[in-house]
C-alpha atoms as a PDB file:
ATOM      1  CA  MET A   1      82.777  58.645 132.381  1.00  0.00           C
ATOM      2  CA  LYS A   2      81.938  62.193 134.176  1.00  0.00           C
ATOM      3  CA  SER A   3      85.514  62.545 134.861  1.00  0.00           C
ATOM      4  CA  ILE A   4      86.270  62.399 131.136  1.00  0.00           C
ATOM      5  CA  SER A   5      83.603  64.756 130.054  1.00  0.00           C
ATOM      6  CA  LEU A   6      85.053  67.308 132.318  1.00  0.00           C
ATOM      7  CA  VAL A   7      88.624  66.643 130.983  1.00  0.00           C
ATOM      8  CA  CYS A   8      87.074  66.975 127.549  1.00  0.00           C
ATOM      9  CA  ALA A   9      85.030  70.181 128.350  1.00  0.00           C
ATOM     10  CA  ALA A  10      88.228  71.596 130.043  1.00  0.00           C
ATOM     11  CA  LEU A  11      90.561  71.038 127.159  1.00  0.00           C
ATOM     12  CA  LEU A  12      87.717  72.809 124.693  1.00  0.00           C
ATOM     13  CA  SER A  13      87.586  75.788 126.606  1.00  0.00           C
ATOM     14  CA  VAL A  14      91.458  76.268 126.711  1.00  0.00           C
ATOM     15  CA  SER A  15      91.940  75.569 123.056  1.00  0.00           C
ATOM     16  CA  VAL A  16      88.586  78.095 122.404  1.00  0.00           C
ATOM     17  CA  ALA A  17      90.681  80.735 124.801  1.00  0.00           C
ATOM     18  CA  SER A  18      93.643  79.894 123.380  1.00  0.00           C
ATOM     19  CA  ARG A  19      92.084  80.674 119.568  1.00  0.00           C
ATOM     20  CA  ALA A  20      90.454  83.894 120.719  1.00  0.00           C
ATOM     21  CA  SER A  21      93.770  85.541 122.223  1.00  0.00           C
ATOM     22  CA  ALA A  22      95.662  84.756 119.611  1.00  0.00           C
ATOM     23  CA  SER A  23      93.725  88.104 117.696  1.00  0.00           C
ATOM     24  CA  GLU A  24      93.259  86.286 114.482  1.00  0.00           C
ATOM     25  CA  ARG A  25      92.238  88.488 111.278  1.00  0.00           C
ATOM     26  CA  HIS A  26      89.765  87.233 109.183  1.00  0.00           C
ATOM     27  CA  PHE A  27      89.456  89.531 106.710  1.00  0.00           C
ATOM     28  CA  GLY A  28      92.707  91.006 104.447  1.00  0.00           C
ATOM     29  CA  PHE A  29      92.271  94.361 104.401  1.00  0.00           C
ATOM     30  CA  GLY A  30      90.047  95.372 107.159  1.00  0.00           C
ATOM     31  CA  TYR A  31      90.647  94.904 110.719  1.00  0.00           C
ATOM     32  CA  GLU A  32      88.299  93.388 113.871  1.00  0.00           C
ATOM     33  CA  SER A  33      88.057  94.725 117.270  1.00  0.00           C
ATOM     34  CA  THR A  34      89.552  91.822 119.052  1.00  0.00           C
ATOM     35  CA  VAL A  35      93.099  92.410 120.856  1.00  0.00           C
ATOM     36  CA  LEU A  36      95.279  90.038 122.640  1.00  0.00           C
ATOM     37  CA  SER A  37      94.627  89.532 126.396  1.00  0.00           C
ATOM     38  CA  PRO A  38      97.410  91.578 128.542  1.00  0.00           C
ATOM     39  CA  GLY A  39     100.948  89.481 128.584  1.00  0.00           C
ATOM     40  CA  LEU A  40     100.750  87.457 125.399  1.00  0.00           C
ATOM     41  CA  ALA A  41     102.374  87.878 122.390  1.00  0.00           C
ATOM     42  CA  GLU A  42     102.229  87.518 118.336  1.00  0.00           C
ATOM     43  CA  LEU A  43     104.504  87.859 115.206  1.00  0.00           C
ATOM     44  CA  GLU A  44     102.826  88.683 112.370  1.00  0.00           C
ATOM     45  CA  PRO A  45     104.234  88.628 109.039  1.00  0.00           C
ATOM     46  CA  TRP A  46     102.202  90.566 105.870  1.00  0.00           C
ATOM     47  CA  THR A  47     102.717  90.032 102.615  1.00  0.00           C
ATOM     48  CA  THR A  48     101.244  92.222 100.077  1.00  0.00           C
ATOM     49  CA  VAL A  49     100.807  92.318  96.175  1.00  0.00           C
ATOM     50  CA  ARG A  50     100.161  95.212  94.104  1.00  0.00           C
ATOM     51  CA  ALA A  51     100.177  94.548  89.921  1.00  0.00           C
ATOM     52  CA  GLY A  52      99.148  96.176  87.257  1.00  0.00           C
ATOM     53  CA  ARG A  53      98.697 100.074  85.900  1.00  0.00           C
ATOM     54  CA  ALA A  54      98.911 101.823  82.694  1.00  0.00           C
ATOM     55  CA  ASP A  55     102.766 100.965  82.270  1.00  0.00           C
ATOM     56  CA  TYR A  56     104.173  97.601  83.566  1.00  0.00           C
ATOM     57  CA  PHE A  57     104.279  97.974  87.733  1.00  0.00           C
ATOM     58  CA  SER A  58     104.992  94.978  90.279  1.00  0.00           C
ATOM     59  CA  ARG A  59     105.164  95.900  93.687  1.00  0.00           C
ATOM     60  CA  LEU A  60     105.649  93.585  96.906  1.00  0.00           C
ATOM     61  CA  GLU A  61     105.641  94.657 100.188  1.00  0.00           C
ATOM     62  CA  ALA A  62     106.644  92.921 103.470  1.00  0.00           C
ATOM     63  CA  ARG A  63     105.994  93.565 106.532  1.00  0.00           C
ATOM     64  CA  VAL A  64     107.013  91.833 109.965  1.00  0.00           C
ATOM     65  CA  GLY A  65     104.925  92.592 113.063  1.00  0.00           C
ATOM     66  CA  PHE A  66     105.429  91.986 117.009  1.00  0.00           C
ATOM     67  CA  LYS A  67     102.239  92.605 118.709  1.00  0.00           C
ATOM     68  CA  PHE A  68     101.443  92.024 122.348  1.00  0.00           C
ATOM     69  CA  GLY A  69      99.017  92.964 125.165  1.00  0.00           C
ATOM     70  CA  LEU A  70      99.821  95.835 127.456  1.00  0.00           C
ATOM     71  CA  VAL A  71      96.595  95.842 129.639  1.00  0.00           C
ATOM     72  CA  ARG A  72      93.080  94.668 129.215  1.00  0.00           C
ATOM     73  CA  ASN A  73      91.767  95.683 125.836  1.00  0.00           C
ATOM     74  CA  LEU A  74      94.778  97.396 125.048  1.00  0.00           C
ATOM     75  CA  GLN A  75      97.017  96.444 122.265  1.00  0.00           C
ATOM     76  CA  ALA A  76     100.393  97.462 121.187  1.00  0.00           C
ATOM     77  CA  ALA A  77     102.374  96.574 117.673  1.00  0.00           C
ATOM     78  CA  LEU A  78     105.825  97.315 116.252  1.00  0.00           C
ATOM     79  CA  PHE A  79     105.998  96.518 112.435  1.00  0.00           C
ATOM     80  CA  TRP A  80     109.070  96.549 109.909  1.00  0.00           C
ATOM     81  CA  ASN A  81     108.144  97.848 106.448  1.00  0.00           C
ATOM     82  CA  ILE A  82     110.134  97.095 103.357  1.00  0.00           C
ATOM     83  CA  SER A  83     109.415  96.790  99.693  1.00  0.00           C
ATOM     84  CA  SER A  84     110.453  95.800  96.113  1.00  0.00           C
ATOM     85  CA  THR A  85     109.563  97.548  93.282  1.00  0.00           C
ATOM     86  CA  ALA A  86     109.684  96.741  89.283  1.00  0.00           C
ATOM     87  CA  GLU A  87     108.084  99.242  86.775  1.00  0.00           C
ATOM     88  CA  ASP A  88     108.585 100.952  83.574  1.00  0.00           C
ATOM     89  CA  VAL A  89     109.638 104.738  83.683  1.00  0.00           C
ATOM     90  CA  GLN A  90     110.774 107.449  81.013  1.00  0.00           C
ATOM     91  CA  VAL A  91     114.390 108.336  81.291  1.00  0.00           C
ATOM     92  CA  PRO A  92     114.317 111.815  80.085  1.00  0.00           C
ATOM     93  CA  GLY A  93     116.143 111.744  76.726  1.00  0.00           C
ATOM     94  CA  ALA A  94     115.513 108.416  75.819  1.00  0.00           C
ATOM     95  CA  ALA A  95     112.926 107.296  73.286  1.00  0.00           C
ATOM     96  CA  LEU A  96     111.641 104.065  75.039  1.00  0.00           C
ATOM     97  CA  LYS A  97     110.660 103.623  78.834  1.00  0.00           C
ATOM     98  CA  SER A  98     113.357 101.444  81.039  1.00  0.00           C
ATOM     99  CA  ARG A  99     112.290  98.895  83.344  1.00  0.00           C
ATOM    100  CA  LEU A 100     113.576 100.012  87.244  1.00  0.00           C
ATOM    101  CA  SER A 101     113.739  97.644  90.158  1.00  0.00           C
ATOM    102  CA  THR A 102     114.500  98.909  93.391  1.00  0.00           C
ATOM    103  CA  THR A 103     114.196  97.449  97.222  1.00  0.00           C
ATOM    104  CA  ASP A 104     114.368  99.336  99.960  1.00  0.00           C
ATOM    105  CA  PHE A 105     113.568  99.597 103.743  1.00  0.00           C
ATOM    106  CA  GLN A 106     110.550 102.027 104.239  1.00  0.00           C
ATOM    107  CA  SER A 107     109.641 102.464 107.554  1.00  0.00           C
ATOM    108  CA  LEU A 108     109.309 101.122 111.142  1.00  0.00           C
ATOM    109  CA  SER A 109     105.832 101.690 112.625  1.00  0.00           C
ATOM    110  CA  ALA A 110     104.170 101.757 115.958  1.00  0.00           C
ATOM    111  CA  GLN A 111     100.768 100.841 116.389  1.00  0.00           C
ATOM    112  CA  LEU A 112      98.030 101.058 119.043  1.00  0.00           C
ATOM    113  CA  LYS A 113      94.646  99.379 119.265  1.00  0.00           C
ATOM    114  CA  TYR A 114      92.295 100.115 122.004  1.00  0.00           C
ATOM    115  CA  LYS A 115      88.897  97.593 122.003  1.00  0.00           C
ATOM    116  CA  LEU A 116      86.000  99.654 123.289  1.00  0.00           C
ATOM    117  CA  THR A 117      83.415  97.003 123.194  1.00  0.00           C
ATOM    118  CA  ASP A 118      83.092  93.169 122.311  1.00  0.00           C
ATOM    119  CA  ALA A 119      81.974  92.124 119.138  1.00  0.00           C
ATOM    120  CA  THR A 120      80.315  89.109 121.107  1.00  0.00           C
ATOM    121  CA  ALA A 121      79.227  89.806 124.568  1.00  0.00           C
ATOM    122  CA  ASP A 122      77.839  93.279 123.609  1.00  0.00           C
ATOM    123  CA  ALA A 123      75.226  94.896 120.829  1.00  0.00           C
ATOM    124  CA  LEU A 124      78.061  95.701 118.751  1.00  0.00           C
ATOM    125  CA  GLY A 125      82.103  95.191 118.526  1.00  0.00           C
ATOM    126  CA  SER A 126      84.133  98.760 118.755  1.00  0.00           C
ATOM    127  CA  ALA A 127      87.955  99.785 118.553  1.00  0.00           C
ATOM    128  CA  LEU A 128      90.181 102.303 117.556  1.00  0.00           C
ATOM    129  CA  LEU A 129      93.218 102.025 116.317  1.00  0.00           C
ATOM    130  CA  LEU A 130      96.033 104.396 115.762  1.00  0.00           C
ATOM    131  CA  GLU A 131      99.317 104.045 113.707  1.00  0.00           C
ATOM    132  CA  ALA A 132     102.150 105.884 113.186  1.00  0.00           C
ATOM    133  CA  GLN A 133     105.468 105.073 110.787  1.00  0.00           C
ATOM    134  CA  ALA A 134     108.760 106.717 110.247  1.00  0.00           C
ATOM    135  CA  GLY A 135     111.488 105.931 107.414  1.00  0.00           C
ATOM    136  CA  PRO A 136     114.457 107.251 105.524  1.00  0.00           C
ATOM    137  CA  LEU A 137     111.753 108.766 102.829  1.00  0.00           C
ATOM    138  CA  LEU A 138     108.833 108.655 104.641  1.00  0.00           C
ATOM    139  CA  VAL A 139     106.834 109.524 107.938  1.00  0.00           C
ATOM    140  CA  GLY A 140     103.056 109.376 108.313  1.00  0.00           C
ATOM    141  CA  ALA A 141     100.330 108.016 110.345  1.00  0.00           C
ATOM    142  CA  GLU A 142      96.784 106.782 109.950  1.00  0.00           C
ATOM    143  CA  ALA A 143      93.950 106.000 112.356  1.00  0.00           C
ATOM    144  CA  ARG A 144      90.936 103.783 111.972  1.00  0.00           C
ATOM    145  CA  VAL A 145      87.429 103.508 113.979  1.00  0.00           C
ATOM    146  CA  ILE A 146      86.588  99.542 113.623  1.00  0.00           C
ATOM    147  CA  LEU A 147      83.254  98.319 114.047  1.00  0.00           C
ATOM    148  CA  ASP A 148      82.355  94.705 114.132  1.00  0.00           C
ATOM    149  CA  LYS A 149      79.695  91.997 114.836  1.00  0.00           C
ATOM    150  CA  GLN A 150      79.529  88.313 115.036  1.00  0.00           C
ATOM    151  CA  LEU A 151      75.917  87.195 114.812  1.00  0.00           C
ATOM    152  CA  GLY A 152      76.272  83.139 115.174  1.00  0.00           C
ATOM    153  CA  ASN A 153      78.040  82.066 112.199  1.00  0.00           C
ATOM    154  CA  LEU A 154      78.357  85.611 110.267  1.00  0.00           C
ATOM    155  CA  LEU A 155      80.867  88.235 110.943  1.00  0.00           C
ATOM    156  CA  LEU A 156      80.937  91.532 109.767  1.00  0.00           C
ATOM    157  CA  ALA A 157      83.163  94.341 109.941  1.00  0.00           C
ATOM    158  CA  LEU A 158      83.139  97.839 109.057  1.00  0.00           C
ATOM    159  CA  ASN A 159      86.501 100.523 109.067  1.00  0.00           C
ATOM    160  CA  LEU A 160      87.102 103.779 108.648  1.00  0.00           C
ATOM    161  CA  VAL A 161      90.308 105.201 107.999  1.00  0.00           C
ATOM    162  CA  ALA A 162      92.190 108.143 107.607  1.00  0.00           C
ATOM    163  CA  THR A 163      95.851 108.250 106.431  1.00  0.00           C
ATOM    164  CA  GLY A 164      98.457 111.089 105.710  1.00  0.00           C
ATOM    165  CA  TYR A 165     102.058 110.736 104.829  1.00  0.00           C
ATOM    166  CA  GLU A 166     104.761 112.620 103.187  1.00  0.00           C
ATOM    167  CA  GLN A 167     107.248 111.476 101.100  1.00  0.00           C
ATOM    168  CA  LEU A 168     110.912 112.830 101.646  1.00  0.00           C
ATOM    169  CA  GLU A 169     112.313 112.680  98.375  1.00  0.00           C
ATOM    170  CA  LEU A 170     113.992 115.578  95.935  1.00  0.00           C
ATOM    171  CA  THR A 171     110.758 117.191  95.749  1.00  0.00           C
ATOM    172  CA  SER A 172     108.576 116.566  98.923  1.00  0.00           C
ATOM    173  CA  ARG A 173     105.029 114.924  98.087  1.00  0.00           C
ATOM    174  CA  PHE A 174     102.205 114.733 100.420  1.00  0.00           C
ATOM    175  CA  VAL A 175      99.490 112.208 100.745  1.00  0.00           C
ATOM    176  CA  GLY A 176      96.479 111.850 102.260  1.00  0.00           C
ATOM    177  CA  SER A 177      93.546 109.606 101.718  1.00  0.00           C
ATOM    178  CA  PHE A 178      90.556 108.514 103.676  1.00  0.00           C
ATOM    179  CA  GLY A 179      87.894 106.000 102.914  1.00  0.00           C
ATOM    180  CA  ALA A 180      86.097 102.881 104.408  1.00  0.00           C
ATOM    181  CA  THR A 181      86.234  98.809 104.047  1.00  0.00           C
ATOM    182  CA  ALA A 182      83.447  96.619 104.748  1.00  0.00           C
ATOM    183  CA  GLY A 183      83.614  92.826 105.200  1.00  0.00           C
ATOM    184  CA  ALA A 184      80.974  89.893 105.577  1.00  0.00           C
ATOM    185  CA  GLY A 185      82.093  86.606 106.290  1.00  0.00           C
ATOM    186  CA  TYR A 186      80.759  82.967 107.137  1.00  0.00           C
ATOM    187  CA  PHE A 187      82.298  80.172 109.495  1.00  0.00           C
ATOM    188  CA  LEU A 188      82.304  77.413 107.100  1.00  0.00           C
ATOM    189  CA  THR A 189      83.901  75.504 110.352  1.00  0.00           C
ATOM    190  CA  PRO A 190      84.494  76.799 113.610  1.00  0.00           C
ATOM    191  CA  ASN A 191      88.133  76.984 111.781  1.00  0.00           C
ATOM    192  CA  VAL A 192      87.842  78.259 108.401  1.00  0.00           C
ATOM    193  CA  VAL A 193      85.839  81.386 107.458  1.00  0.00           C
ATOM    194  CA  ALA A 194      84.999  82.688 103.626  1.00  0.00           C
ATOM    195  CA  SER A 195      84.740  86.344 103.346  1.00  0.00           C
ATOM    196  CA  LEU A 196      84.185  89.013 101.041  1.00  0.00           C
ATOM    197  CA  GLU A 197      85.546  92.535 101.135  1.00  0.00           C
ATOM    198  CA  LEU A 198      84.317  95.923  99.748  1.00  0.00           C
ATOM    199  CA  ARG A 199      87.306  98.753 100.049  1.00  0.00           C
ATOM    200  CA  ASN A 200      86.759 102.508  99.126  1.00  0.00           C
ATOM    201  CA  GLU A 201      89.956 104.929  98.679  1.00  0.00           C
ATOM    202  CA  ASN A 202      89.973 108.156  98.343  1.00  0.00           C
ATOM    203  CA  SER A 203      93.445 109.972  97.828  1.00  0.00           C
ATOM    204  CA  LEU A 204      94.872 113.272  97.466  1.00  0.00           C
ATOM    205  CA  SER A 205      98.609 113.846  96.548  1.00  0.00           C
ATOM    206  CA  LYS A 206     100.160 117.210  96.289  1.00  0.00           C
ATOM    207  CA  GLU A 207     103.714 118.516  95.069  1.00  0.00           C
ATOM    208  CA  ARG A 208     105.118 120.846  98.021  1.00  0.00           C
ATOM    209  CA  ALA A 209     106.541 122.739  94.953  1.00  0.00           C
ATOM    210  CA  GLU A 210     103.634 123.092  93.339  1.00  0.00           C
ATOM    211  CA  SER A 211      99.946 123.762  93.028  1.00  0.00           C
ATOM    212  CA  MET A 212      99.102 121.075  91.272  1.00  0.00           C
ATOM    213  CA  ARG A 213      96.640 118.367  93.015  1.00  0.00           C
ATOM    214  CA  SER A 214      96.339 114.709  91.894  1.00  0.00           C
ATOM    215  CA  LEU A 215      92.608 113.471  92.957  1.00  0.00           C
ATOM    216  CA  SER A 216      92.018 109.592  92.936  1.00  0.00           C
ATOM    217  CA  SER A 217      88.447 107.388  94.449  1.00  0.00           C
ATOM    218  CA  VAL A 218      88.390 103.763  93.554  1.00  0.00           C
ATOM    219  CA  LEU A 219      86.386 100.447  94.758  1.00  0.00           C
ATOM    220  CA  TYR A 220      88.521  97.304  95.099  1.00  0.00           C
ATOM    221  CA  ALA A 221      86.562  93.994  95.875  1.00  0.00           C
ATOM    222  CA  GLY A 222      87.238  90.392  96.345  1.00  0.00           C
ATOM    223  CA  PRO A 223      87.153  87.325  98.408  1.00  0.00           C
ATOM    224  CA  SER A 224      88.961  86.255 101.345  1.00  0.00           C
ATOM    225  CA  VAL A 225      89.229  82.868 103.244  1.00  0.00           C
ATOM    226  CA  SER A 226      90.742  82.597 106.631  1.00  0.00           C
ATOM    227  CA  TYR A 227      92.213  79.730 108.557  1.00  0.00           C
ATOM    228  CA  ALA A 228      92.917  79.104 112.542  1.00  0.00           C
ATOM    229  CA  SER A 229      94.369  76.774 114.777  1.00  0.00           C
ATOM    230  CA  THR A 230      96.182  77.368 117.823  1.00  0.00           C
ATOM    231  CA  ARG A 231      99.263  77.231 116.716  1.00  0.00           C
ATOM    232  CA  PHE A 232      98.963  79.748 113.952  1.00  0.00           C
ATOM    233  CA  TRP A 233      96.103  81.422 111.726  1.00  0.00           C
ATOM    234  CA  LEU A 234      96.301  82.551 108.066  1.00  0.00           C
ATOM    235  CA  THR A 235      94.099  84.790 106.033  1.00  0.00           C
ATOM    236  CA  LEU A 236      94.629  85.406 101.965  1.00  0.00           C
ATOM    237  CA  ALA A 237      92.491  87.915 100.048  1.00  0.00           C
ATOM    238  CA  VAL A 238      92.316  88.840  96.761  1.00  0.00           C
ATOM    239  CA  GLN A 239      90.798  92.566  95.649  1.00  0.00           C
ATOM    240  CA  PRO A 240      90.673  93.227  91.908  1.00  0.00           C
ATOM    241  CA  GLN A 241      90.148  97.409  91.207  1.00  0.00           C
ATOM    242  CA  VAL A 242      86.021  97.526  90.115  1.00  0.00           C
ATOM    243  CA  ILE A 243      85.651 101.146  89.210  1.00  0.00           C
ATOM    244  CA  ALA A 244      87.133 104.392  89.445  1.00  0.00           C
ATOM    245  CA  PHE A 245      84.852 106.982  90.637  1.00  0.00           C
ATOM    246  CA  LYS A 246      87.576 109.822  90.547  1.00  0.00           C
ATOM    247  CA  GLY A 247      90.821 109.452  88.650  1.00  0.00           C
ATOM    248  CA  ALA A 248      90.368 107.109  85.913  1.00  0.00           C
ATOM    249  CA  THR A 249      93.075 106.891  83.367  1.00  0.00           C
ATOM    250  CA  ASP A 250      92.226 107.884  79.638  1.00  0.00           C
ATOM    251  CA  GLY A 251      91.028 105.211  77.717  1.00  0.00           C
ATOM    252  CA  TYR A 252      89.788 102.867  81.293  1.00  0.00           C
ATOM    253  CA  HIS A 253      87.185 103.076  83.532  1.00  0.00           C
ATOM    254  CA  LEU A 254      89.834 101.967  86.355  1.00  0.00           C
ATOM    255  CA  ASP A 255      92.739 104.507  88.019  1.00  0.00           C
ATOM    256  CA  LEU A 256      95.746 102.667  86.561  1.00  0.00           C
ATOM    257  CA  THR A 257      97.806 106.016  87.774  1.00  0.00           C
ATOM    258  CA  GLN A 258      98.210 105.880  91.297  1.00  0.00           C
ATOM    259  CA  ASN A 259      96.032 102.484  92.031  1.00  0.00           C
ATOM    260  CA  GLU A 260      96.464  98.742  90.549  1.00  0.00           C
ATOM    261  CA  TYR A 261      94.641  96.419  88.433  1.00  0.00           C
ATOM    262  CA  VAL A 262      94.654  94.063  91.683  1.00  0.00           C
ATOM    263  CA  GLN A 263      96.139  93.857  95.105  1.00  0.00           C
ATOM    264  CA  ALA A 264      96.520  90.631  96.907  1.00  0.00           C
ATOM    265  CA  ARG A 265      97.810  89.965 100.847  1.00  0.00           C
ATOM    266  CA  LEU A 266      98.562  87.102 102.816  1.00  0.00           C
ATOM    267  CA  LEU A 267      98.480  87.411 106.663  1.00  0.00           C
ATOM    268  CA  LEU A 268      99.969  84.974 109.373  1.00  0.00           C
ATOM    269  CA  GLY A 269      99.823  85.163 113.148  1.00  0.00           C
ATOM    270  CA  PHE A 270     102.048  82.919 115.073  1.00  0.00           C
ATOM    271  CA  PRO A 271     101.031  83.067 119.090  1.00  0.00           C
ATOM    272  CA  LEU A 272     104.410  83.180 121.142  1.00  0.00           C
END
């Protein structure tokens, strides 16, 4: 009987270690401080949907990533980014707007994430994340400070985010943004977490050839749910835009020129 108990305990510890090493994400738009252990790898496909502007707009973004643990507390990742967009645009000389659909390879991204402290063992979990991307018509970078804490069944996370990228089209355009995401999740079971996320984005865009700037500040909020097992994990998040603090479109309390009514994201992870 004692040997059976020891075997069960060993199997449970292996299962827990496998899940912990998978570096699953419980929030759709915010990161946590966990990283893969050295030598472990994970395949991570993303799908993000952005829908609804003052004129018709629908955008599907697909991202396929390969993550691997380099050394203790340091994780690297490579991502392939593509998008498909359908929107109404005003063609010069035309009386009515036309619907334009495009599918493009966007960029390749390289990401490093370093865990400073652990969310369960230390007073506060923390990590730094840096990502650079480059594509035919886009170059940019993103930096994040990640803070999180697990208190029993409660999981809390906060990200401070800054990004900047250059759109290399006929007229070069710079877009910079900063903001934060905050999430609170609850472990309904050891495998299922239900969460609420808030996300604030403040952006500035400027045409290089012009002095005119476009400012926007919006708040998104919505639920997310995640499931994790030893073979895979998934997270689904839906965030409608709640209010535009700056840059609201005429006739609306939302920014429907640079941002959307709703954004949704599905994340998947498969340990390799």
